[in-house]
Amino acid sequence: MSQQTIILGGGGFWCIEATMQLLRGVVRVTSGYAGGVSENPSYARVAYGTADHAEVVEVIFDSEVIALETILSAFFTVHDPTQLNRQGNDVGPQYRSMILYTTDQQRIGIEKYIQELEGANTFHDPIVTEVKPLVQFFPAEKEHQNYYQNNRGQGYCQVIIDPKIAQLRSHFSAYLKK
């Protein structure tokens, strides 16, 4: 197995976590915080904007089963990379669109993929996704892990996450776990 790690931020981490967990070749997804410099971020500090980190997910994947480009394609399908510091009702830099890479090869692939999206005019507005190297990832508190699986009946899951999952299922059925 050839494992790689990439960090994705696209609004609240519960949405990105729930969608990435469905992809075949994704070994583990952990919700957390990254992208800032403050130490020991917590959900309260990040969600209320008193820490400089974003809500993100750490995606560990087997690159022999799923390509980085497929993960990026799914990521850009389930969030809006053209909104600066927001996703829907989630507003603030803690909800910014970001990709934190762990290798130069990933950086090159990410930059190429974004250039292709922009060249094809995939979105009406420019992509504002922040791309930078991962410095440190902080796992979120236990209650934020596997949030969708543990809380499917909650309104947020039904109204916000379910449509993203439906969109992923519609466009990526060949890449979903059985």
N, C-alpha and C. Protein backbone atom coordinates (compact mmCIF):
# COMPACT_ATOMS: atom_id res chain seq x y z
N MET A 1 0.84 -1.17 0.00
CA MET A 1 0.00 0.00 0.00
C MET A 1 0.89 1.24 0.00
N SER A 2 0.51 2.23 -0.80
CA SER A 2 1.25 3.48 -0.89
C SER A 2 0.39 4.59 -0.30
N GLN A 3 0.58 4.86 0.99
CA GLN A 3 -0.25 5.84 1.67
C GLN A 3 0.29 7.25 1.52
N GLN A 4 -0.65 8.17 1.31
CA GLN A 4 -0.36 9.59 1.29
C GLN A 4 -1.33 10.30 2.22
N THR A 5 -0.92 11.48 2.65
CA THR A 5 -1.77 12.31 3.50
C THR A 5 -1.94 13.66 2.84
N ILE A 6 -3.17 14.14 2.84
CA ILE A 6 -3.48 15.49 2.36
C ILE A 6 -4.53 16.08 3.29
N ILE A 7 -4.49 17.39 3.47
CA ILE A 7 -5.42 18.08 4.35
C ILE A 7 -6.34 18.94 3.48
N LEU A 8 -7.66 18.80 3.70
CA LEU A 8 -8.65 19.53 2.91
C LEU A 8 -9.56 20.34 3.82
N GLY A 9 -9.78 21.58 3.46
CA GLY A 9 -10.71 22.44 4.17
C GLY A 9 -11.69 23.06 3.19
N GLY A 10 -12.97 22.88 3.45
CA GLY A 10 -13.98 23.43 2.56
C GLY A 10 -15.27 23.69 3.32
N GLY A 11 -15.19 24.58 4.32
CA GLY A 11 -16.33 24.83 5.18
C GLY A 11 -16.19 24.00 6.44
N GLY A 12 -17.32 23.64 7.04
CA GLY A 12 -17.28 22.82 8.24
C GLY A 12 -16.70 21.45 7.94
N PHE A 13 -15.89 20.94 8.86
CA PHE A 13 -15.21 19.67 8.60
C PHE A 13 -16.15 18.48 8.53
N TRP A 14 -17.33 18.57 9.13
CA TRP A 14 -18.25 17.43 9.11
C TRP A 14 -18.64 17.05 7.68
N CYS A 15 -18.82 18.05 6.81
CA CYS A 15 -19.22 17.78 5.41
C CYS A 15 -18.11 17.09 4.63
N ILE A 16 -16.93 17.65 4.72
CA ILE A 16 -15.81 17.08 3.96
C ILE A 16 -15.48 15.69 4.49
N GLU A 17 -15.52 15.52 5.80
CA GLU A 17 -15.25 14.21 6.40
C GLU A 17 -16.23 13.17 5.86
N ALA A 18 -17.53 13.49 5.88
CA ALA A 18 -18.56 12.52 5.46
C ALA A 18 -18.40 12.12 4.00
N THR A 19 -18.02 13.05 3.15
CA THR A 19 -17.90 12.71 1.73
C THR A 19 -16.61 11.95 1.45
N MET A 20 -15.50 12.37 2.04
CA MET A 20 -14.23 11.69 1.77
C MET A 20 -14.24 10.25 2.29
N GLN A 21 -14.97 10.00 3.36
CA GLN A 21 -15.03 8.64 3.92
C GLN A 21 -15.67 7.65 2.96
N LEU A 22 -16.42 8.12 1.99
CA LEU A 22 -17.12 7.24 1.05
C LEU A 22 -16.24 6.75 -0.10
N LEU A 23 -15.11 7.39 -0.30
CA LEU A 23 -14.27 7.08 -1.46
C LEU A 23 -13.41 5.84 -1.25
N ARG A 24 -13.48 4.94 -2.21
CA ARG A 24 -12.64 3.75 -2.20
C ARG A 24 -11.18 4.18 -2.28
N GLY A 25 -10.35 3.63 -1.43
CA GLY A 25 -8.94 3.99 -1.40
C GLY A 25 -8.61 4.97 -0.29
N VAL A 26 -9.65 5.60 0.28
CA VAL A 26 -9.43 6.46 1.44
C VAL A 26 -9.36 5.54 2.65
N VAL A 27 -8.24 5.59 3.35
CA VAL A 27 -7.98 4.69 4.47
C VAL A 27 -8.55 5.26 5.77
N ARG A 28 -8.36 6.57 5.96
CA ARG A 28 -8.84 7.20 7.20
C ARG A 28 -9.07 8.69 6.96
N VAL A 29 -10.10 9.22 7.60
CA VAL A 29 -10.39 10.65 7.56
C VAL A 29 -10.54 11.12 9.00
N THR A 30 -9.80 12.17 9.35
CA THR A 30 -9.85 12.70 10.70
C THR A 30 -10.16 14.19 10.64
N SER A 31 -11.20 14.61 11.33
CA SER A 31 -11.53 16.03 11.41
C SER A 31 -10.55 16.73 12.33
N GLY A 32 -10.23 17.97 12.00
CA GLY A 32 -9.29 18.70 12.84
C GLY A 32 -9.12 20.14 12.42
N TYR A 33 -7.98 20.68 12.80
CA TYR A 33 -7.69 22.10 12.58
C TYR A 33 -6.27 22.23 12.02
N ALA A 34 -6.10 23.16 11.09
CA ALA A 34 -4.78 23.40 10.51
C ALA A 34 -4.82 24.71 9.74
N GLY A 35 -3.66 25.13 9.29
CA GLY A 35 -3.56 26.30 8.45
C GLY A 35 -3.16 27.57 9.17
N GLY A 36 -3.14 27.53 10.49
CA GLY A 36 -2.75 28.70 11.27
C GLY A 36 -1.48 28.42 12.03
N VAL A 37 -1.16 29.31 12.96
CA VAL A 37 0.06 29.14 13.75
C VAL A 37 -0.22 29.03 15.25
N SER A 38 -1.45 29.28 15.67
CA SER A 38 -1.74 29.21 17.10
C SER A 38 -1.66 27.77 17.59
N GLU A 39 -1.23 27.61 18.83
CA GLU A 39 -1.07 26.29 19.44
C GLU A 39 -2.37 25.82 20.08
N ASN A 40 -2.56 24.51 20.10
CA ASN A 40 -3.68 23.87 20.79
C ASN A 40 -5.05 24.45 20.45
N PRO A 41 -5.41 24.48 19.17
CA PRO A 41 -6.74 24.98 18.82
C PRO A 41 -7.82 24.03 19.33
N SER A 42 -8.99 24.56 19.57
CA SER A 42 -10.14 23.77 19.99
C SER A 42 -11.32 24.16 19.10
N TYR A 43 -12.37 23.36 19.14
CA TYR A 43 -13.54 23.66 18.33
C TYR A 43 -14.09 25.05 18.68
N ALA A 44 -14.19 25.34 19.95
CA ALA A 44 -14.73 26.64 20.37
C ALA A 44 -13.87 27.78 19.84
N ARG A 45 -12.57 27.67 19.96
CA ARG A 45 -11.68 28.75 19.50
C ARG A 45 -11.72 28.90 17.99
N VAL A 46 -11.73 27.79 17.27
CA VAL A 46 -11.73 27.86 15.81
C VAL A 46 -13.10 28.31 15.29
N ALA A 47 -14.16 27.71 15.79
CA ALA A 47 -15.51 28.03 15.30
C ALA A 47 -15.88 29.48 15.56
N TYR A 48 -15.41 30.03 16.65
CA TYR A 48 -15.74 31.43 16.98
C TYR A 48 -14.69 32.41 16.50
N GLY A 49 -13.72 31.94 15.73
CA GLY A 49 -12.77 32.83 15.09
C GLY A 49 -11.68 33.39 15.98
N THR A 50 -11.45 32.77 17.13
CA THR A 50 -10.39 33.27 18.01
C THR A 50 -9.08 32.51 17.83
N ALA A 51 -9.04 31.59 16.89
CA ALA A 51 -7.80 30.91 16.49
C ALA A 51 -7.67 31.11 14.99
N ASP A 52 -6.48 31.07 14.46
CA ASP A 52 -6.27 31.34 13.04
C ASP A 52 -6.33 30.10 12.15
N HIS A 53 -6.71 28.98 12.73
CA HIS A 53 -6.81 27.74 11.97
C HIS A 53 -8.17 27.64 11.27
N ALA A 54 -8.24 26.73 10.30
CA ALA A 54 -9.49 26.41 9.62
C ALA A 54 -9.94 25.02 10.05
N GLU A 55 -11.23 24.77 9.92
CA GLU A 55 -11.75 23.42 10.09
C GLU A 55 -11.34 22.64 8.84
N VAL A 56 -10.66 21.53 9.04
CA VAL A 56 -10.14 20.73 7.93
C VAL A 56 -10.30 19.25 8.23
N VAL A 57 -10.00 18.43 7.25
CA VAL A 57 -9.91 17.00 7.47
C VAL A 57 -8.57 16.50 6.95
N GLU A 58 -8.01 15.57 7.69
CA GLU A 58 -6.81 14.87 7.26
C GLU A 58 -7.28 13.62 6.53
N VAL A 59 -6.90 13.50 5.27
CA VAL A 59 -7.29 12.36 4.45
C VAL A 59 -6.05 11.51 4.19
N ILE A 60 -6.09 10.29 4.66
CA ILE A 60 -5.02 9.33 4.38
C ILE A 60 -5.57 8.38 3.34
N PHE A 61 -4.87 8.28 2.21
CA PHE A 61 -5.38 7.47 1.10
C PHE A 61 -4.28 6.62 0.50
N ASP A 62 -4.73 5.55 -0.14
CA ASP A 62 -3.83 4.63 -0.84
C ASP A 62 -3.77 5.08 -2.29
N SER A 63 -2.66 5.66 -2.69
CA SER A 63 -2.54 6.21 -4.03
C SER A 63 -2.49 5.13 -5.12
N GLU A 64 -2.39 3.86 -4.71
CA GLU A 64 -2.48 2.77 -5.69
C GLU A 64 -3.93 2.42 -5.99
N VAL A 65 -4.86 2.91 -5.14
CA VAL A 65 -6.29 2.63 -5.32
C VAL A 65 -7.03 3.86 -5.82
N ILE A 66 -6.68 5.03 -5.32
CA ILE A 66 -7.34 6.27 -5.72
C ILE A 66 -6.28 7.34 -5.99
N ALA A 67 -6.44 8.00 -7.11
CA ALA A 67 -5.49 9.04 -7.51
C ALA A 67 -5.77 10.34 -6.77
N LEU A 68 -4.73 11.11 -6.56
CA LEU A 68 -4.89 12.43 -5.95
C LEU A 68 -5.89 13.25 -6.75
N GLU A 69 -5.84 13.17 -8.06
CA GLU A 69 -6.76 13.95 -8.90
C GLU A 69 -8.22 13.59 -8.62
N THR A 70 -8.50 12.34 -8.33
CA THR A 70 -9.87 11.92 -8.01
C THR A 70 -10.31 12.52 -6.69
N ILE A 71 -9.43 12.53 -5.71
CA ILE A 71 -9.75 13.15 -4.43
C ILE A 71 -10.00 14.64 -4.62
N LEU A 72 -9.16 15.29 -5.40
CA LEU A 72 -9.34 16.72 -5.66
C LEU A 72 -10.65 16.98 -6.40
N SER A 73 -10.96 16.15 -7.36
CA SER A 73 -12.20 16.31 -8.12
C SER A 73 -13.41 16.19 -7.19
N ALA A 74 -13.39 15.20 -6.32
CA ALA A 74 -14.49 15.04 -5.35
C ALA A 74 -14.57 16.25 -4.43
N PHE A 75 -13.44 16.70 -3.94
CA PHE A 75 -13.38 17.86 -3.04
C PHE A 75 -13.96 19.10 -3.71
N PHE A 76 -13.58 19.36 -4.96
CA PHE A 76 -14.08 20.54 -5.66
C PHE A 76 -15.53 20.38 -6.08
N THR A 77 -16.06 19.17 -6.04
CA THR A 77 -17.47 18.94 -6.34
C THR A 77 -18.36 19.21 -5.14
N VAL A 78 -17.88 18.92 -3.93
CA VAL A 78 -18.75 19.00 -2.75
C VAL A 78 -18.63 20.30 -1.97
N HIS A 79 -17.82 21.25 -2.45
CA HIS A 79 -17.79 22.57 -1.82
C HIS A 79 -17.55 23.61 -2.90
N ASP A 80 -17.76 24.87 -2.57
CA ASP A 80 -17.60 25.95 -3.53
C ASP A 80 -16.24 26.62 -3.31
N PRO A 81 -15.27 26.35 -4.17
CA PRO A 81 -13.93 26.90 -3.99
C PRO A 81 -13.80 28.36 -4.41
N THR A 82 -14.91 28.99 -4.78
CA THR A 82 -14.86 30.39 -5.21
C THR A 82 -15.31 31.35 -4.12
N GLN A 83 -15.77 30.83 -3.01
CA GLN A 83 -16.23 31.69 -1.91
C GLN A 83 -15.07 31.93 -0.95
N LEU A 84 -14.72 33.16 -0.75
CA LEU A 84 -13.65 33.51 0.16
C LEU A 84 -14.16 33.52 1.60
N ASN A 85 -13.54 32.67 2.42
CA ASN A 85 -13.85 32.63 3.85
C ASN A 85 -15.31 32.33 4.16
N ARG A 86 -15.88 31.41 3.39
CA ARG A 86 -17.25 31.00 3.69
C ARG A 86 -17.64 29.77 2.87
N GLN A 87 -18.62 29.06 3.40
CA GLN A 87 -19.31 28.01 2.67
C GLN A 87 -20.75 28.08 3.14
N GLY A 88 -21.63 28.52 2.28
CA GLY A 88 -23.03 28.65 2.67
C GLY A 88 -23.18 29.59 3.85
N ASN A 89 -23.82 29.09 4.92
CA ASN A 89 -24.05 29.90 6.11
C ASN A 89 -22.84 29.96 7.03
N ASP A 90 -21.84 29.15 6.78
CA ASP A 90 -20.61 29.18 7.59
C ASP A 90 -19.72 30.30 7.06
N VAL A 91 -19.53 31.34 7.87
CA VAL A 91 -18.79 32.51 7.43
C VAL A 91 -17.61 32.77 8.35
N GLY A 92 -16.46 33.05 7.77
CA GLY A 92 -15.26 33.37 8.52
C GLY A 92 -14.08 32.61 7.96
N PRO A 93 -12.86 33.06 8.26
CA PRO A 93 -11.67 32.40 7.72
C PRO A 93 -11.51 30.96 8.20
N GLN A 94 -12.18 30.59 9.27
CA GLN A 94 -12.12 29.21 9.75
C GLN A 94 -12.84 28.25 8.80
N TYR A 95 -13.58 28.78 7.84
CA TYR A 95 -14.30 27.96 6.86
C TYR A 95 -13.73 28.14 5.45
N ARG A 96 -12.51 28.65 5.35
CA ARG A 96 -11.91 28.91 4.04
C ARG A 96 -11.62 27.61 3.28
N SER A 97 -11.59 27.76 1.99
CA SER A 97 -11.24 26.64 1.12
C SER A 97 -9.72 26.54 1.11
N MET A 98 -9.22 25.36 1.48
CA MET A 98 -7.76 25.19 1.52
C MET A 98 -7.36 23.75 1.29
N ILE A 99 -6.17 23.62 0.73
CA ILE A 99 -5.54 22.32 0.57
C ILE A 99 -4.13 22.46 1.12
N LEU A 100 -3.80 21.61 2.07
CA LEU A 100 -2.46 21.60 2.63
C LEU A 100 -1.79 20.31 2.17
N TYR A 101 -0.75 20.47 1.39
CA TYR A 101 -0.07 19.31 0.80
C TYR A 101 1.07 18.84 1.71
N THR A 102 1.47 17.58 1.50
CA THR A 102 2.54 17.00 2.31
C THR A 102 3.77 16.64 1.48
N THR A 103 3.67 16.76 0.16
CA THR A 103 4.83 16.49 -0.72
C THR A 103 4.84 17.50 -1.86
N ASP A 104 6.01 17.70 -2.44
CA ASP A 104 6.09 18.58 -3.61
C ASP A 104 5.32 18.01 -4.79
N GLN A 105 5.29 16.70 -4.90
CA GLN A 105 4.53 16.05 -5.98
C GLN A 105 3.05 16.40 -5.85
N GLN A 106 2.52 16.40 -4.61
CA GLN A 106 1.13 16.80 -4.40
C GLN A 106 0.92 18.26 -4.80
N ARG A 107 1.85 19.14 -4.38
CA ARG A 107 1.72 20.56 -4.71
C ARG A 107 1.62 20.75 -6.22
N ILE A 108 2.48 20.08 -6.95
CA ILE A 108 2.48 20.20 -8.41
C ILE A 108 1.14 19.71 -8.98
N GLY A 109 0.67 18.57 -8.48
CA GLY A 109 -0.61 18.02 -8.94
C GLY A 109 -1.79 18.93 -8.61
N ILE A 110 -1.78 19.51 -7.42
CA ILE A 110 -2.86 20.42 -7.00
C ILE A 110 -2.87 21.67 -7.87
N GLU A 111 -1.71 22.27 -8.04
CA GLU A 111 -1.63 23.50 -8.85
C GLU A 111 -2.07 23.23 -10.29
N LYS A 112 -1.65 22.10 -10.84
CA LYS A 112 -2.04 21.73 -12.21
C LYS A 112 -3.55 21.53 -12.30
N TYR A 113 -4.11 20.84 -11.31
CA TYR A 113 -5.55 20.57 -11.32
C TYR A 113 -6.36 21.87 -11.26
N ILE A 114 -5.95 22.79 -10.38
CA ILE A 114 -6.66 24.06 -10.27
C ILE A 114 -6.53 24.86 -11.56
N GLN A 115 -5.36 24.85 -12.18
CA GLN A 115 -5.18 25.54 -13.46
C GLN A 115 -6.10 24.97 -14.53
N GLU A 116 -6.26 23.63 -14.52
CA GLU A 116 -7.15 23.00 -15.50
C GLU A 116 -8.60 23.42 -15.26
N LEU A 117 -9.02 23.47 -13.99
CA LEU A 117 -10.38 23.91 -13.68
C LEU A 117 -10.61 25.34 -14.15
N GLU A 118 -9.65 26.20 -13.87
CA GLU A 118 -9.80 27.60 -14.27
C GLU A 118 -9.74 27.74 -15.80
N GLY A 119 -8.87 26.99 -16.45
CA GLY A 119 -8.78 27.03 -17.90
C GLY A 119 -10.06 26.57 -18.59
N ALA A 120 -10.76 25.65 -17.94
CA ALA A 120 -12.02 25.14 -18.49
C ALA A 120 -13.22 25.97 -18.06
N ASN A 121 -12.97 27.04 -17.29
CA ASN A 121 -14.05 27.87 -16.76
C ASN A 121 -15.11 27.03 -16.04
N THR A 122 -14.64 26.10 -15.22
CA THR A 122 -15.53 25.20 -14.49
C THR A 122 -16.45 25.97 -13.55
N PHE A 123 -15.94 27.04 -12.97
CA PHE A 123 -16.71 27.86 -12.04
C PHE A 123 -16.87 29.26 -12.64
N HIS A 124 -17.95 29.92 -12.28
CA HIS A 124 -18.20 31.27 -12.81
C HIS A 124 -17.24 32.29 -12.24
N ASP A 125 -16.76 32.05 -11.02
CA ASP A 125 -15.85 32.97 -10.34
C ASP A 125 -14.49 32.31 -10.16
N PRO A 126 -13.45 33.11 -9.92
CA PRO A 126 -12.12 32.53 -9.72
C PRO A 126 -12.05 31.63 -8.48
N ILE A 127 -11.23 30.62 -8.55
CA ILE A 127 -10.99 29.72 -7.42
C ILE A 127 -10.10 30.45 -6.41
N VAL A 128 -10.53 30.45 -5.14
CA VAL A 128 -9.78 31.13 -4.09
C VAL A 128 -9.17 30.15 -3.09
N THR A 129 -9.16 28.89 -3.44
CA THR A 129 -8.62 27.85 -2.56
C THR A 129 -7.16 28.14 -2.23
N GLU A 130 -6.88 28.19 -0.95
CA GLU A 130 -5.52 28.42 -0.47
C GLU A 130 -4.75 27.10 -0.59
N VAL A 131 -3.58 27.13 -1.20
CA VAL A 131 -2.74 25.93 -1.34
C VAL A 131 -1.39 26.24 -0.70
N LYS A 132 -1.06 25.45 0.32
CA LYS A 132 0.23 25.66 0.99
C LYS A 132 0.65 24.37 1.69
N PRO A 133 1.90 24.31 2.11
CA PRO A 133 2.37 23.08 2.76
C PRO A 133 1.76 22.93 4.15
N LEU A 134 1.56 21.70 4.54
CA LEU A 134 1.08 21.41 5.89
C LEU A 134 2.21 21.67 6.87
N VAL A 135 1.92 22.44 7.91
CA VAL A 135 2.87 22.67 8.98
C VAL A 135 2.52 21.74 10.14
N GLN A 136 1.27 21.80 10.58
CA GLN A 136 0.84 20.93 11.67
C GLN A 136 -0.66 20.73 11.60
N PHE A 137 -1.09 19.52 11.88
CA PHE A 137 -2.51 19.16 11.92
C PHE A 137 -2.85 18.83 13.37
N PHE A 138 -3.97 19.38 13.84
CA PHE A 138 -4.45 19.11 15.19
C PHE A 138 -5.77 18.38 15.09
N PRO A 139 -5.86 17.12 15.53
CA PRO A 139 -7.14 16.40 15.49
C PRO A 139 -8.18 17.13 16.35
N ALA A 140 -9.41 17.14 15.86
CA ALA A 140 -10.52 17.73 16.61
C ALA A 140 -10.91 16.80 17.76
N GLU A 141 -11.73 17.31 18.62
CA GLU A 141 -12.23 16.56 19.77
C GLU A 141 -13.03 15.34 19.30
N LYS A 142 -13.12 14.35 20.17
CA LYS A 142 -13.73 13.06 19.83
C LYS A 142 -15.15 13.21 19.27
N GLU A 143 -15.95 14.12 19.82
CA GLU A 143 -17.34 14.26 19.38
C GLU A 143 -17.46 14.77 17.94
N HIS A 144 -16.37 15.26 17.36
CA HIS A 144 -16.40 15.75 15.99
C HIS A 144 -15.93 14.70 14.98
N GLN A 145 -15.45 13.57 15.46
CA GLN A 145 -15.00 12.49 14.57
C GLN A 145 -16.21 11.65 14.16
N ASN A 146 -16.25 11.28 12.90
CA ASN A 146 -17.35 10.47 12.35
C ASN A 146 -18.70 11.10 12.67
N TYR A 147 -18.75 12.41 12.59
CA TYR A 147 -19.95 13.14 13.01
C TYR A 147 -21.19 12.71 12.24
N TYR A 148 -21.09 12.62 10.94
CA TYR A 148 -22.25 12.27 10.14
C TYR A 148 -22.77 10.87 10.49
N GLN A 149 -21.86 9.90 10.58
CA GLN A 149 -22.29 8.53 10.90
C GLN A 149 -22.98 8.46 12.27
N ASN A 150 -22.54 9.28 13.19
CA ASN A 150 -23.08 9.25 14.55
C ASN A 150 -24.29 10.14 14.75
N ASN A 151 -24.62 11.00 13.78
CA ASN A 151 -25.69 11.99 13.98
C ASN A 151 -26.56 12.19 12.75
N ARG A 152 -26.78 11.15 11.98
CA ARG A 152 -27.52 11.28 10.72
C ARG A 152 -28.91 11.88 10.86
N GLY A 153 -29.52 11.71 12.02
CA GLY A 153 -30.87 12.22 12.23
C GLY A 153 -30.93 13.71 12.54
N GLN A 154 -29.80 14.32 12.80
CA GLN A 154 -29.81 15.75 13.12
C GLN A 154 -30.07 16.59 11.87
N GLY A 155 -30.71 17.72 12.09
CA GLY A 155 -31.08 18.61 10.99
C GLY A 155 -29.91 19.02 10.12
N TYR A 156 -28.77 19.35 10.73
CA TYR A 156 -27.60 19.77 9.96
C TYR A 156 -27.18 18.67 8.99
N CYS A 157 -27.18 17.45 9.46
CA CYS A 157 -26.78 16.33 8.61
C CYS A 157 -27.75 16.17 7.44
N GLN A 158 -29.04 16.28 7.73
CA GLN A 158 -30.04 16.09 6.69
C GLN A 158 -30.09 17.23 5.69
N VAL A 159 -29.93 18.45 6.16
CA VAL A 159 -30.08 19.61 5.28
C VAL A 159 -28.78 19.99 4.57
N ILE A 160 -27.66 19.85 5.25
CA ILE A 160 -26.39 20.31 4.68
C ILE A 160 -25.55 19.15 4.12
N ILE A 161 -25.39 18.08 4.90
CA ILE A 161 -24.48 17.01 4.48
C ILE A 161 -25.12 16.05 3.48
N ASP A 162 -26.37 15.67 3.69
CA ASP A 162 -27.02 14.72 2.78
C ASP A 162 -26.97 15.17 1.31
N PRO A 163 -27.24 16.44 0.98
CA PRO A 163 -27.14 16.85 -0.43
C PRO A 163 -25.71 16.73 -0.98
N LYS A 164 -24.71 16.96 -0.16
CA LYS A 164 -23.32 16.82 -0.62
C LYS A 164 -23.01 15.34 -0.90
N ILE A 165 -23.51 14.47 -0.05
CA ILE A 165 -23.32 13.04 -0.27
C ILE A 165 -24.05 12.60 -1.53
N ALA A 166 -25.26 13.10 -1.74
CA ALA A 166 -26.00 12.75 -2.95
C ALA A 166 -25.25 13.23 -4.19
N GLN A 167 -24.67 14.41 -4.13
CA GLN A 167 -23.89 14.94 -5.24
C GLN A 167 -22.66 14.06 -5.51
N LEU A 168 -21.99 13.65 -4.44
CA LEU A 168 -20.82 12.77 -4.59
C LEU A 168 -21.24 11.44 -5.20
N ARG A 169 -22.31 10.86 -4.69
CA ARG A 169 -22.80 9.57 -5.22
C ARG A 169 -23.15 9.69 -6.71
N SER A 170 -23.72 10.80 -7.09
CA SER A 170 -24.13 11.02 -8.47
C SER A 170 -22.94 11.11 -9.42
N HIS A 171 -21.90 11.81 -9.01
CA HIS A 171 -20.75 12.07 -9.89
C HIS A 171 -19.59 11.08 -9.73
N PHE A 172 -19.55 10.35 -8.62
CA PHE A 172 -18.39 9.51 -8.33
C PHE A 172 -18.76 8.08 -7.98
N SER A 173 -19.84 7.57 -8.53
CA SER A 173 -20.31 6.23 -8.16
C SER A 173 -19.24 5.17 -8.41
N ALA A 174 -18.42 5.32 -9.42
CA ALA A 174 -17.37 4.34 -9.73
C ALA A 174 -16.26 4.32 -8.69
N TYR A 175 -16.18 5.37 -7.85
CA TYR A 175 -15.10 5.50 -6.88
C TYR A 175 -15.55 5.28 -5.44
N LEU A 176 -16.80 4.88 -5.26
CA LEU A 176 -17.31 4.73 -3.90
C LEU A 176 -17.05 3.36 -3.33
N LYS A 177 -16.87 3.32 -2.02
CA LYS A 177 -16.72 2.04 -1.33
C LYS A 177 -18.02 1.27 -1.46
N LYS A 178 -17.90 -0.03 -1.48
CA LYS A 178 -19.10 -0.88 -1.59
C LYS A 178 -19.77 -1.03 -0.26
